[in-house]
């Protein structure tokens, strides 16, 4: 009988011990030397840098807003501040802003109403609630950004298509966005929430 045929396989316990002996130091090194923060995504990061450069070239600054669908629409707590009075405004992105964006957002068809304050302190967060109509019931809220330039603010909500055959219950949606504290300097601003065909606009005083 040859040596190859007489060789016995390793006992299973030694195989398990070898695997454990490898996993423990590997896990330690991975956790110890891993850089904090999100993983590097070359394609997305490059697009973001290009998009930011184009916005700055056009004179815009962009702020990512916290956007959500409120559990109790309409209850914004404006008892201590005068409510803003919004008026209808043309729909669609302004030409200079739209031309600076690499990816065009999926806008609601129209912004139907706005609930917010007419004044806010610079050191306070600024909440804006609005209702909008979507083209169909196959979209859901994705995110919202604020673009500002020389006393003009554009609030741009973006929606995304639902996966598969999922459908929203209605074409109407209520969205609550919050501008972080200290984002806006004291002064007077014209604010517009952008819809595809119809927007809403009002004046904001920051003090």
N, C-alpha and C. Protein backbone atom coordinates (compact mmCIF):
# COMPACT_ATOMS: atom_id res chain seq x y z
N UNK A 1 0.86 -1.19 0.00
CA UNK A 1 0.00 0.00 0.00
C UNK A 1 0.89 1.24 0.00
N UNK A 2 0.65 2.22 -0.85
CA UNK A 2 1.47 3.41 -0.97
C UNK A 2 1.25 4.32 0.22
N UNK A 3 2.22 5.27 0.39
CA UNK A 3 2.12 6.22 1.50
C UNK A 3 0.90 7.11 1.36
N UNK A 4 0.54 7.50 0.09
CA UNK A 4 -0.62 8.37 -0.14
C UNK A 4 -1.90 7.70 0.28
N UNK A 5 -1.98 6.35 0.02
CA UNK A 5 -3.20 5.62 0.37
C UNK A 5 -3.31 5.38 1.87
N UNK A 6 -2.17 5.34 2.57
CA UNK A 6 -2.21 5.05 4.00
C UNK A 6 -2.32 6.31 4.84
N UNK A 7 -2.19 7.51 4.20
CA UNK A 7 -2.25 8.76 4.95
C UNK A 7 -3.66 8.99 5.48
N UNK A 8 -3.79 9.27 6.77
CA UNK A 8 -5.10 9.48 7.39
C UNK A 8 -5.48 10.96 7.31
N UNK A 9 -6.75 11.26 7.14
CA UNK A 9 -7.19 12.66 7.13
C UNK A 9 -7.03 13.28 8.51
N UNK A 10 -6.90 14.61 8.53
CA UNK A 10 -6.78 15.32 9.80
C UNK A 10 -8.04 15.14 10.62
N UNK A 11 -7.91 15.00 11.92
CA UNK A 11 -9.10 14.97 12.77
C UNK A 11 -9.85 16.30 12.67
N UNK A 12 -11.16 16.26 12.74
CA UNK A 12 -11.99 17.45 12.58
C UNK A 12 -11.66 18.52 13.62
N UNK A 13 -11.28 18.11 14.84
CA UNK A 13 -11.02 19.11 15.87
C UNK A 13 -9.86 20.02 15.50
N UNK A 14 -8.84 19.45 14.79
CA UNK A 14 -7.71 20.28 14.40
C UNK A 14 -8.10 21.27 13.30
N UNK A 15 -9.00 20.86 12.44
CA UNK A 15 -9.49 21.77 11.39
C UNK A 15 -10.24 22.93 12.03
N UNK A 16 -11.11 22.62 13.01
CA UNK A 16 -11.88 23.67 13.69
C UNK A 16 -10.94 24.61 14.43
N UNK A 17 -9.94 24.07 15.11
CA UNK A 17 -8.99 24.92 15.82
C UNK A 17 -8.21 25.83 14.88
N UNK A 18 -7.85 25.29 13.69
CA UNK A 18 -7.13 26.11 12.72
C UNK A 18 -7.99 27.27 12.23
N UNK A 19 -9.29 27.01 12.00
CA UNK A 19 -10.20 28.07 11.55
C UNK A 19 -10.35 29.13 12.63
N UNK A 20 -10.53 28.71 13.88
CA UNK A 20 -10.66 29.66 14.99
C UNK A 20 -9.39 30.47 15.16
N UNK A 21 -8.24 29.80 15.04
CA UNK A 21 -6.97 30.50 15.19
C UNK A 21 -6.78 31.56 14.10
N UNK A 22 -7.39 31.38 12.95
CA UNK A 22 -7.31 32.39 11.88
C UNK A 22 -8.31 33.51 12.09
N UNK A 23 -9.54 33.16 12.48
CA UNK A 23 -10.62 34.15 12.57
C UNK A 23 -10.36 35.17 13.67
N UNK A 24 -9.87 34.72 14.83
CA UNK A 24 -9.69 35.64 15.96
C UNK A 24 -8.71 36.77 15.63
N UNK A 25 -7.48 36.49 15.17
CA UNK A 25 -6.58 37.61 14.85
C UNK A 25 -7.07 38.44 13.67
N UNK A 26 -7.72 37.79 12.69
CA UNK A 26 -8.23 38.55 11.54
C UNK A 26 -9.30 39.56 11.99
N UNK A 27 -10.21 39.10 12.85
CA UNK A 27 -11.27 39.99 13.34
C UNK A 27 -10.68 41.14 14.14
N UNK A 28 -9.69 40.87 14.97
CA UNK A 28 -9.06 41.92 15.76
C UNK A 28 -8.41 42.96 14.85
N UNK A 29 -7.64 42.50 13.89
CA UNK A 29 -6.96 43.43 12.99
C UNK A 29 -7.95 44.25 12.18
N UNK A 30 -9.04 43.62 11.74
CA UNK A 30 -10.05 44.31 10.95
C UNK A 30 -10.71 45.43 11.75
N UNK A 31 -11.07 45.11 13.00
CA UNK A 31 -11.73 46.11 13.84
C UNK A 31 -10.76 47.19 14.31
N UNK A 32 -9.52 46.82 14.54
CA UNK A 32 -8.55 47.77 15.09
C UNK A 32 -8.07 48.77 14.04
N UNK A 33 -7.87 48.33 12.81
CA UNK A 33 -7.28 49.19 11.79
C UNK A 33 -8.29 49.73 10.79
N UNK A 34 -9.57 49.32 10.90
CA UNK A 34 -10.57 49.81 9.96
C UNK A 34 -10.79 51.31 10.16
N UNK A 35 -10.85 52.07 9.08
CA UNK A 35 -11.08 53.51 9.18
C UNK A 35 -12.53 53.77 9.51
N UNK A 36 -12.79 54.72 10.43
CA UNK A 36 -14.19 55.04 10.75
C UNK A 36 -14.87 55.75 9.59
N UNK A 37 -16.21 55.76 9.61
CA UNK A 37 -16.96 56.46 8.58
C UNK A 37 -17.45 55.50 7.51
N UNK A 38 -18.24 56.04 6.56
CA UNK A 38 -18.80 55.19 5.50
C UNK A 38 -17.73 54.67 4.56
N UNK A 39 -18.05 53.56 3.92
CA UNK A 39 -17.10 52.96 2.98
C UNK A 39 -16.89 53.88 1.78
N UNK A 40 -15.71 53.82 1.21
CA UNK A 40 -15.39 54.64 0.05
C UNK A 40 -16.10 54.10 -1.18
N UNK A 41 -16.88 54.95 -1.82
CA UNK A 41 -17.60 54.57 -3.03
C UNK A 41 -17.13 55.49 -4.15
N UNK A 42 -16.16 55.05 -4.95
CA UNK A 42 -15.53 55.94 -5.94
C UNK A 42 -16.52 56.61 -6.88
N UNK A 43 -17.46 55.85 -7.43
CA UNK A 43 -18.37 56.42 -8.43
C UNK A 43 -19.27 57.48 -7.80
N UNK A 44 -19.92 57.13 -6.66
CA UNK A 44 -20.84 58.06 -6.02
C UNK A 44 -20.10 59.28 -5.49
N UNK A 45 -18.92 59.06 -4.90
CA UNK A 45 -18.17 60.18 -4.34
C UNK A 45 -17.71 61.14 -5.42
N UNK A 46 -17.29 60.60 -6.55
CA UNK A 46 -16.86 61.45 -7.66
C UNK A 46 -18.01 62.27 -8.20
N UNK A 47 -19.18 61.65 -8.37
CA UNK A 47 -20.35 62.38 -8.85
C UNK A 47 -20.75 63.49 -7.87
N UNK A 48 -20.67 63.19 -6.58
CA UNK A 48 -21.02 64.21 -5.59
C UNK A 48 -20.06 65.39 -5.65
N UNK A 49 -18.78 65.12 -5.81
CA UNK A 49 -17.80 66.21 -5.89
C UNK A 49 -18.05 67.06 -7.14
N UNK A 50 -18.33 66.40 -8.26
CA UNK A 50 -18.59 67.15 -9.50
C UNK A 50 -19.86 67.98 -9.35
N UNK A 51 -20.89 67.37 -8.75
CA UNK A 51 -22.16 68.08 -8.58
C UNK A 51 -21.98 69.30 -7.67
N UNK A 52 -21.24 69.14 -6.58
CA UNK A 52 -20.99 70.26 -5.67
C UNK A 52 -20.21 71.37 -6.36
N UNK A 53 -19.24 70.98 -7.18
CA UNK A 53 -18.45 71.99 -7.89
C UNK A 53 -19.33 72.77 -8.88
N UNK A 54 -20.23 72.08 -9.56
CA UNK A 54 -21.12 72.76 -10.51
C UNK A 54 -22.08 73.69 -9.79
N UNK A 55 -22.58 73.26 -8.63
CA UNK A 55 -23.48 74.11 -7.86
C UNK A 55 -22.76 75.36 -7.37
N UNK A 56 -21.56 75.20 -6.85
CA UNK A 56 -20.80 76.35 -6.38
C UNK A 56 -20.47 77.30 -7.52
N UNK A 57 -20.18 76.74 -8.69
CA UNK A 57 -19.89 77.57 -9.86
C UNK A 57 -21.11 78.40 -10.26
N UNK A 58 -22.31 77.84 -10.05
CA UNK A 58 -23.54 78.56 -10.37
C UNK A 58 -23.98 79.46 -9.21
N UNK A 59 -23.24 79.45 -8.10
CA UNK A 59 -23.55 80.32 -6.98
C UNK A 59 -24.45 79.73 -5.93
N UNK A 60 -24.72 78.43 -6.01
CA UNK A 60 -25.63 77.78 -5.07
C UNK A 60 -24.87 77.04 -3.98
N UNK A 61 -25.45 77.05 -2.79
CA UNK A 61 -25.01 76.17 -1.72
C UNK A 61 -26.12 75.19 -1.44
N UNK A 62 -25.76 73.94 -1.17
CA UNK A 62 -26.77 72.89 -0.97
C UNK A 62 -26.71 72.38 0.46
N UNK A 63 -27.90 72.21 1.04
CA UNK A 63 -28.03 71.67 2.39
C UNK A 63 -28.98 70.48 2.33
N UNK A 64 -28.54 69.34 2.83
CA UNK A 64 -29.42 68.17 2.91
C UNK A 64 -30.34 68.33 4.12
N UNK A 65 -31.63 68.17 3.89
CA UNK A 65 -32.62 68.37 4.94
C UNK A 65 -33.13 67.04 5.48
N UNK A 66 -33.51 67.05 6.73
CA UNK A 66 -34.24 65.91 7.29
C UNK A 66 -35.66 65.96 6.74
N UNK A 67 -36.07 64.93 6.02
CA UNK A 67 -37.39 64.90 5.38
C UNK A 67 -38.13 63.64 5.81
N UNK A 68 -39.39 63.81 6.18
CA UNK A 68 -40.18 62.67 6.64
C UNK A 68 -41.65 62.94 6.38
N UNK A 69 -42.42 61.89 6.46
CA UNK A 69 -43.87 62.03 6.41
C UNK A 69 -44.36 62.07 7.85
N UNK A 70 -44.92 63.20 8.29
CA UNK A 70 -45.29 63.33 9.71
C UNK A 70 -46.42 62.40 10.12
N UNK A 71 -46.36 61.95 11.36
CA UNK A 71 -47.40 61.05 11.87
C UNK A 71 -48.72 61.79 12.06
N UNK A 72 -48.64 63.09 12.42
CA UNK A 72 -49.83 63.90 12.63
C UNK A 72 -49.73 65.15 11.77
N UNK A 73 -50.08 65.07 10.49
CA UNK A 73 -49.99 66.22 9.61
C UNK A 73 -50.80 67.40 10.14
N UNK A 74 -50.25 68.60 9.96
CA UNK A 74 -50.96 69.81 10.33
C UNK A 74 -50.58 70.35 11.70
N UNK A 75 -50.01 69.51 12.58
CA UNK A 75 -49.66 69.97 13.93
C UNK A 75 -48.19 70.36 13.97
N UNK A 76 -47.94 71.62 13.60
CA UNK A 76 -46.56 72.08 13.50
C UNK A 76 -46.16 72.95 14.69
N UNK A 77 -47.13 73.36 15.50
CA UNK A 77 -46.81 74.17 16.67
C UNK A 77 -46.39 75.58 16.32
N UNK A 78 -47.25 76.34 15.65
CA UNK A 78 -46.93 77.70 15.25
C UNK A 78 -47.57 78.74 16.17
N UNK A 79 -47.95 78.34 17.36
CA UNK A 79 -48.65 79.26 18.26
C UNK A 79 -47.79 80.47 18.61
N UNK A 80 -46.47 80.28 18.69
CA UNK A 80 -45.58 81.37 19.11
C UNK A 80 -45.02 82.17 17.95
N UNK A 81 -45.38 81.85 16.72
CA UNK A 81 -44.86 82.56 15.56
C UNK A 81 -45.97 82.78 14.54
N UNK A 82 -45.87 83.89 13.82
CA UNK A 82 -46.86 84.18 12.79
C UNK A 82 -46.69 83.20 11.64
N UNK A 83 -47.80 82.62 11.16
CA UNK A 83 -47.68 81.69 10.04
C UNK A 83 -47.35 82.41 8.74
N UNK A 84 -46.60 81.76 7.90
CA UNK A 84 -46.28 82.33 6.59
C UNK A 84 -47.48 82.17 5.67
N UNK A 85 -47.63 83.13 4.77
CA UNK A 85 -48.69 83.07 3.76
C UNK A 85 -48.01 82.79 2.42
N UNK A 86 -48.28 81.62 1.87
CA UNK A 86 -47.63 81.24 0.61
C UNK A 86 -48.53 81.56 -0.58
N UNK A 87 -47.91 81.76 -1.71
CA UNK A 87 -48.64 82.05 -2.94
C UNK A 87 -48.18 81.09 -4.03
N UNK A 88 -49.01 80.91 -5.03
CA UNK A 88 -48.66 80.03 -6.14
C UNK A 88 -47.47 80.59 -6.90
N UNK A 89 -46.62 79.69 -7.39
CA UNK A 89 -45.43 80.06 -8.16
C UNK A 89 -45.26 79.07 -9.30
N UNK A 90 -44.57 79.48 -10.36
CA UNK A 90 -44.37 78.57 -11.50
C UNK A 90 -43.65 77.29 -11.09
N UNK A 91 -43.98 76.20 -11.75
CA UNK A 91 -43.36 74.92 -11.45
C UNK A 91 -42.05 74.72 -12.18
N UNK A 92 -41.35 73.68 -11.79
CA UNK A 92 -40.09 73.33 -12.43
C UNK A 92 -38.89 73.98 -11.77
N UNK A 93 -37.74 73.35 -11.93
CA UNK A 93 -36.51 73.91 -11.38
C UNK A 93 -36.10 75.16 -12.14
N UNK A 94 -35.59 76.18 -11.45
CA UNK A 94 -35.01 77.33 -12.16
C UNK A 94 -33.93 76.86 -13.12
N UNK A 95 -33.79 77.54 -14.23
CA UNK A 95 -32.88 77.08 -15.29
C UNK A 95 -31.45 76.91 -14.78
N UNK A 96 -30.94 77.86 -14.00
CA UNK A 96 -29.56 77.77 -13.54
C UNK A 96 -29.36 76.63 -12.56
N UNK A 97 -30.34 76.40 -11.71
CA UNK A 97 -30.24 75.29 -10.75
C UNK A 97 -30.36 73.96 -11.47
N UNK A 98 -31.35 73.83 -12.34
CA UNK A 98 -31.52 72.58 -13.08
C UNK A 98 -30.30 72.25 -13.93
N UNK A 99 -29.67 73.27 -14.50
CA UNK A 99 -28.49 73.03 -15.33
C UNK A 99 -27.27 72.62 -14.53
N UNK A 100 -27.26 72.94 -13.23
CA UNK A 100 -26.11 72.59 -12.40
C UNK A 100 -26.20 71.20 -11.81
N UNK A 101 -27.40 70.61 -11.81
CA UNK A 101 -27.59 69.29 -11.21
C UNK A 101 -27.31 68.19 -12.22
N UNK A 102 -26.51 67.21 -11.82
CA UNK A 102 -26.23 66.07 -12.69
C UNK A 102 -27.47 65.19 -12.81
N UNK A 103 -28.08 64.87 -11.68
CA UNK A 103 -29.28 64.03 -11.66
C UNK A 103 -30.49 64.90 -11.38
N UNK A 104 -31.47 64.87 -12.27
CA UNK A 104 -32.67 65.66 -12.08
C UNK A 104 -33.60 64.94 -11.10
N UNK A 105 -34.08 65.63 -10.06
CA UNK A 105 -34.94 64.99 -9.06
C UNK A 105 -36.31 64.65 -9.63
N UNK A 106 -36.93 63.63 -9.08
CA UNK A 106 -38.31 63.27 -9.43
C UNK A 106 -39.23 64.11 -8.56
N UNK A 107 -39.74 65.20 -9.13
CA UNK A 107 -40.53 66.16 -8.38
C UNK A 107 -41.99 65.74 -8.30
N UNK A 108 -42.69 66.21 -7.26
CA UNK A 108 -44.15 66.04 -7.26
C UNK A 108 -44.76 66.90 -8.36
N UNK A 109 -45.97 66.57 -8.76
CA UNK A 109 -46.62 67.36 -9.81
C UNK A 109 -46.85 68.79 -9.33
N UNK A 110 -47.36 68.93 -8.11
CA UNK A 110 -47.67 70.26 -7.59
C UNK A 110 -47.48 70.31 -6.09
N UNK A 111 -47.15 71.50 -5.62
CA UNK A 111 -47.13 71.78 -4.18
C UNK A 111 -48.46 72.47 -3.88
N UNK A 112 -49.27 71.85 -3.05
CA UNK A 112 -50.65 72.31 -2.88
C UNK A 112 -50.84 73.26 -1.70
N UNK A 113 -50.08 73.08 -0.61
CA UNK A 113 -50.20 73.96 0.54
C UNK A 113 -48.91 73.92 1.34
N UNK A 114 -48.67 74.97 2.12
CA UNK A 114 -47.48 75.07 2.95
C UNK A 114 -47.88 75.54 4.34
N UNK A 115 -47.33 74.89 5.36
CA UNK A 115 -47.54 75.29 6.76
C UNK A 115 -46.17 75.52 7.37
N UNK A 116 -45.89 76.77 7.72
CA UNK A 116 -44.60 77.10 8.31
C UNK A 116 -44.69 78.49 8.94
N UNK A 117 -43.61 78.90 9.60
CA UNK A 117 -43.57 80.22 10.23
C UNK A 117 -43.00 81.25 9.27
N UNK A 118 -43.39 82.52 9.49
CA UNK A 118 -42.89 83.61 8.65
C UNK A 118 -41.58 84.17 9.19
N UNK A 119 -41.27 83.87 10.45
CA UNK A 119 -40.02 84.32 11.06
C UNK A 119 -39.40 83.19 11.86
N UNK A 120 -38.09 83.24 11.99
CA UNK A 120 -37.37 82.23 12.77
C UNK A 120 -36.05 82.82 13.22
N UNK A 121 -35.58 82.40 14.37
CA UNK A 121 -34.26 82.81 14.85
C UNK A 121 -33.18 81.99 14.14
N UNK A 122 -32.08 82.62 13.85
CA UNK A 122 -30.99 81.93 13.14
C UNK A 122 -30.49 80.71 13.90
N UNK A 123 -30.55 80.78 15.23
CA UNK A 123 -30.03 79.68 16.05
C UNK A 123 -31.02 78.54 16.20
N UNK A 124 -32.22 78.68 15.61
CA UNK A 124 -33.23 77.65 15.73
C UNK A 124 -33.40 76.89 14.42
N UNK A 125 -33.83 75.63 14.53
CA UNK A 125 -34.18 74.85 13.33
C UNK A 125 -35.49 75.41 12.76
N UNK A 126 -35.66 75.28 11.47
CA UNK A 126 -36.84 75.83 10.80
C UNK A 126 -37.62 74.70 10.14
N UNK A 127 -38.84 74.47 10.62
CA UNK A 127 -39.67 73.37 10.11
C UNK A 127 -40.62 73.87 9.04
N UNK A 128 -40.74 73.11 7.97
CA UNK A 128 -41.64 73.43 6.86
C UNK A 128 -42.43 72.17 6.54
N UNK A 129 -43.75 72.30 6.57
CA UNK A 129 -44.62 71.17 6.20
C UNK A 129 -45.40 71.56 4.96
N UNK A 130 -45.45 70.66 4.00
CA UNK A 130 -46.20 70.95 2.78
C UNK A 130 -46.92 69.70 2.29
N UNK A 131 -47.99 69.93 1.56
CA UNK A 131 -48.70 68.84 0.92
C UNK A 131 -48.45 68.92 -0.58
N UNK A 132 -48.40 67.78 -1.22
CA UNK A 132 -48.11 67.76 -2.65
C UNK A 132 -48.88 66.63 -3.32
N UNK A 133 -49.01 66.74 -4.62
CA UNK A 133 -49.67 65.73 -5.43
C UNK A 133 -48.64 65.05 -6.33
N UNK A 134 -48.63 63.73 -6.34
CA UNK A 134 -47.70 62.96 -7.14
C UNK A 134 -48.34 62.54 -8.46
N UNK A 135 -47.55 62.22 -9.48
CA UNK A 135 -48.12 61.83 -10.77
C UNK A 135 -48.95 60.57 -10.72
N UNK A 136 -48.63 59.66 -9.80
CA UNK A 136 -49.40 58.43 -9.61
C UNK A 136 -49.09 57.92 -8.20
N UNK A 137 -49.56 56.72 -7.88
CA UNK A 137 -49.31 56.19 -6.54
C UNK A 137 -48.16 55.17 -6.53
N UNK A 138 -47.16 55.41 -7.37
CA UNK A 138 -46.01 54.53 -7.45
C UNK A 138 -44.73 55.21 -6.98
N UNK A 139 -44.86 56.34 -6.26
CA UNK A 139 -43.70 57.05 -5.75
C UNK A 139 -43.73 57.15 -4.23
N UNK A 140 -42.55 57.25 -3.65
CA UNK A 140 -42.42 57.49 -2.22
C UNK A 140 -41.33 58.53 -1.99
N UNK A 141 -41.37 59.19 -0.85
CA UNK A 141 -40.41 60.24 -0.53
C UNK A 141 -39.00 59.66 -0.44
N UNK A 142 -38.06 60.33 -1.10
CA UNK A 142 -36.66 59.89 -1.05
C UNK A 142 -35.84 60.83 -0.17
N UNK A 143 -35.79 62.11 -0.52
CA UNK A 143 -35.02 63.07 0.27
C UNK A 143 -35.43 64.48 -0.11
N UNK A 144 -34.78 65.46 0.48
CA UNK A 144 -35.06 66.86 0.16
C UNK A 144 -33.77 67.66 0.38
N UNK A 145 -33.56 68.66 -0.48
CA UNK A 145 -32.39 69.52 -0.37
C UNK A 145 -32.83 70.98 -0.44
N UNK A 146 -32.06 71.82 0.22
CA UNK A 146 -32.27 73.26 0.18
C UNK A 146 -31.12 73.88 -0.59
N UNK A 147 -31.43 74.65 -1.60
CA UNK A 147 -30.42 75.35 -2.39
C UNK A 147 -30.61 76.84 -2.15
N UNK A 148 -29.55 77.52 -1.72
CA UNK A 148 -29.72 78.95 -1.46
C UNK A 148 -28.62 79.77 -2.12
N UNK A 149 -29.05 80.97 -2.55
CA UNK A 149 -28.16 81.89 -3.24
C UNK A 149 -28.73 83.30 -3.13
N UNK A 150 -27.96 84.20 -2.50
CA UNK A 150 -28.29 85.62 -2.45
C UNK A 150 -29.74 85.88 -2.01
N UNK A 151 -30.11 85.33 -0.86
CA UNK A 151 -31.43 85.60 -0.30
C UNK A 151 -32.57 84.84 -0.94
N UNK A 152 -32.28 83.90 -1.82
CA UNK A 152 -33.30 83.09 -2.48
C UNK A 152 -33.09 81.63 -2.09
N UNK A 153 -34.14 80.98 -1.60
CA UNK A 153 -34.07 79.59 -1.17
C UNK A 153 -35.00 78.74 -2.02
N UNK A 154 -34.48 77.62 -2.50
CA UNK A 154 -35.29 76.66 -3.25
C UNK A 154 -35.28 75.34 -2.48
N UNK A 155 -36.45 74.92 -2.04
CA UNK A 155 -36.59 73.63 -1.37
C UNK A 155 -37.04 72.62 -2.41
N UNK A 156 -36.22 71.62 -2.63
CA UNK A 156 -36.47 70.64 -3.70
C UNK A 156 -36.70 69.26 -3.10
N UNK A 157 -37.96 68.82 -3.03
CA UNK A 157 -38.24 67.45 -2.58
C UNK A 157 -38.02 66.48 -3.73
N UNK A 158 -37.53 65.30 -3.42
CA UNK A 158 -37.29 64.29 -4.44
C UNK A 158 -37.96 62.99 -4.04
N UNK A 159 -38.65 62.39 -4.99
CA UNK A 159 -39.33 61.12 -4.76
C UNK A 159 -38.64 60.03 -5.58
N UNK A 160 -38.96 58.79 -5.29
CA UNK A 160 -38.40 57.66 -6.01
C UNK A 160 -39.49 56.63 -6.28
N UNK A 161 -39.27 55.84 -7.32
CA UNK A 161 -40.25 54.83 -7.70
C UNK A 161 -40.26 53.68 -6.70
N UNK A 162 -41.45 53.21 -6.38
CA UNK A 162 -41.58 52.05 -5.52
C UNK A 162 -41.18 50.79 -6.27
N UNK A 163 -40.59 49.85 -5.57
CA UNK A 163 -40.13 48.61 -6.18
C UNK A 163 -41.31 47.68 -6.49
N UNK A 164 -41.15 46.92 -7.55
CA UNK A 164 -42.13 45.87 -7.89
C UNK A 164 -43.53 46.42 -8.08
N UNK A 165 -44.49 45.71 -7.54
CA UNK A 165 -45.88 46.11 -7.68
C UNK A 165 -46.41 46.89 -6.50
N UNK A 166 -45.52 47.41 -5.64
CA UNK A 166 -45.96 48.16 -4.48
C UNK A 166 -46.62 49.47 -4.91
N UNK A 167 -47.65 49.86 -4.19
CA UNK A 167 -48.38 51.08 -4.51
C UNK A 167 -48.64 51.86 -3.22
N UNK A 168 -48.55 53.17 -3.31
CA UNK A 168 -48.94 54.02 -2.19
C UNK A 168 -50.46 54.10 -2.15
N UNK A 169 -50.99 54.43 -0.98
CA UNK A 169 -52.45 54.45 -0.83
C UNK A 169 -53.10 55.61 -1.57
N UNK A 170 -52.35 56.70 -1.77
CA UNK A 170 -52.92 57.88 -2.40
C UNK A 170 -51.85 58.64 -3.15
N UNK A 171 -52.28 59.50 -4.07
CA UNK A 171 -51.34 60.34 -4.80
C UNK A 171 -50.94 61.57 -3.99
N UNK A 172 -51.70 61.89 -2.94
CA UNK A 172 -51.38 63.04 -2.12
C UNK A 172 -50.39 62.64 -1.02
N UNK A 173 -49.46 63.52 -0.75
CA UNK A 173 -48.46 63.23 0.28
C UNK A 173 -48.19 64.48 1.09
N UNK A 174 -48.01 64.29 2.41
CA UNK A 174 -47.62 65.38 3.31
C UNK A 174 -46.17 65.14 3.74
N UNK A 175 -45.36 66.18 3.61
CA UNK A 175 -43.93 66.07 3.89
C UNK A 175 -43.53 67.12 4.91
N UNK A 176 -42.71 66.72 5.87
CA UNK A 176 -42.16 67.63 6.86
C UNK A 176 -40.64 67.65 6.70
N UNK A 177 -40.11 68.84 6.44
CA UNK A 177 -38.66 69.00 6.32
C UNK A 177 -38.18 69.97 7.40
N UNK A 178 -36.93 69.81 7.80
CA UNK A 178 -36.36 70.66 8.83
C UNK A 178 -35.02 71.21 8.37
N UNK A 179 -34.92 72.55 8.36
CA UNK A 179 -33.65 73.20 8.04
C UNK A 179 -32.84 73.27 9.33
N UNK A 180 -31.63 72.74 9.36
CA UNK A 180 -30.85 72.73 10.60
C UNK A 180 -30.61 74.14 11.15
N UNK A 181 -30.49 74.22 12.46
CA UNK A 181 -30.19 75.50 13.10
C UNK A 181 -28.87 76.06 12.58
N UNK A 182 -28.78 77.38 12.52
CA UNK A 182 -27.58 78.11 12.09
C UNK A 182 -27.26 77.94 10.61
N UNK A 183 -28.19 77.39 9.84
CA UNK A 183 -27.97 77.27 8.39
C UNK A 183 -28.13 78.62 7.69
N UNK A 184 -29.13 79.39 8.14
CA UNK A 184 -29.46 80.66 7.50
C UNK A 184 -28.97 81.83 8.34
N UNK A 185 -28.34 82.79 7.70
CA UNK A 185 -27.92 84.00 8.39
C UNK A 185 -29.11 84.95 8.52
N UNK A 186 -29.05 85.87 9.48
CA UNK A 186 -30.14 86.85 9.60
C UNK A 186 -30.34 87.63 8.31
N UNK A 187 -31.61 87.84 7.97
CA UNK A 187 -31.94 88.56 6.75
C UNK A 187 -33.29 88.13 6.23
N UNK A 188 -33.66 88.66 5.08
CA UNK A 188 -34.93 88.35 4.45
C UNK A 188 -34.70 87.40 3.28
N UNK A 189 -35.56 86.37 3.18
CA UNK A 189 -35.42 85.35 2.14
C UNK A 189 -36.75 85.12 1.43
N UNK A 190 -36.64 84.79 0.17
CA UNK A 190 -37.78 84.28 -0.59
C UNK A 190 -37.61 82.77 -0.69
N UNK A 191 -38.59 82.02 -0.20
CA UNK A 191 -38.52 80.56 -0.14
C UNK A 191 -39.52 79.97 -1.12
N UNK A 192 -39.10 79.00 -1.92
CA UNK A 192 -39.98 78.33 -2.87
C UNK A 192 -39.84 76.83 -2.73
N UNK A 193 -40.95 76.15 -2.50
CA UNK A 193 -40.97 74.68 -2.56
C UNK A 193 -41.31 74.31 -3.99
N UNK A 194 -40.43 73.55 -4.63
CA UNK A 194 -40.54 73.29 -6.07
C UNK A 194 -41.40 72.07 -6.37
N UNK A 195 -42.38 72.26 -7.24
CA UNK A 195 -43.15 71.17 -7.82
C UNK A 195 -42.94 71.17 -9.32
N UNK A 196 -43.28 70.07 -9.97
CA UNK A 196 -43.03 69.97 -11.40
C UNK A 196 -43.84 70.97 -12.22
N UNK A 197 -45.11 71.16 -11.86
CA UNK A 197 -45.99 72.06 -12.61
C UNK A 197 -46.42 73.27 -11.80
N UNK A 198 -46.45 73.16 -10.49
CA UNK A 198 -46.88 74.26 -9.64
C UNK A 198 -46.10 74.23 -8.33
N UNK A 199 -45.59 75.40 -7.93
CA UNK A 199 -44.81 75.53 -6.70
C UNK A 199 -45.55 76.47 -5.74
N UNK A 200 -44.99 76.63 -4.54
CA UNK A 200 -45.51 77.59 -3.56
C UNK A 200 -44.34 78.43 -3.05
N UNK A 201 -44.63 79.74 -2.81
CA UNK A 201 -43.56 80.67 -2.43
C UNK A 201 -44.03 81.58 -1.31
N UNK A 202 -43.10 81.94 -0.41
CA UNK A 202 -43.40 82.87 0.67
C UNK A 202 -42.13 83.59 1.09
N UNK A 203 -42.29 84.57 1.98
CA UNK A 203 -41.17 85.35 2.47
C UNK A 203 -40.83 84.93 3.90
N UNK A 204 -39.55 84.76 4.18
CA UNK A 204 -39.07 84.36 5.49
C UNK A 204 -38.14 85.42 6.04
N UNK A 205 -38.34 85.78 7.29
CA UNK A 205 -37.43 86.71 7.98
C UNK A 205 -36.65 85.96 9.04
N UNK A 206 -35.33 85.94 8.91
CA UNK A 206 -34.46 85.29 9.88
C UNK A 206 -33.81 86.37 10.72
N UNK A 207 -33.91 86.21 12.03
CA UNK A 207 -33.36 87.23 12.92
C UNK A 207 -32.43 86.61 13.96
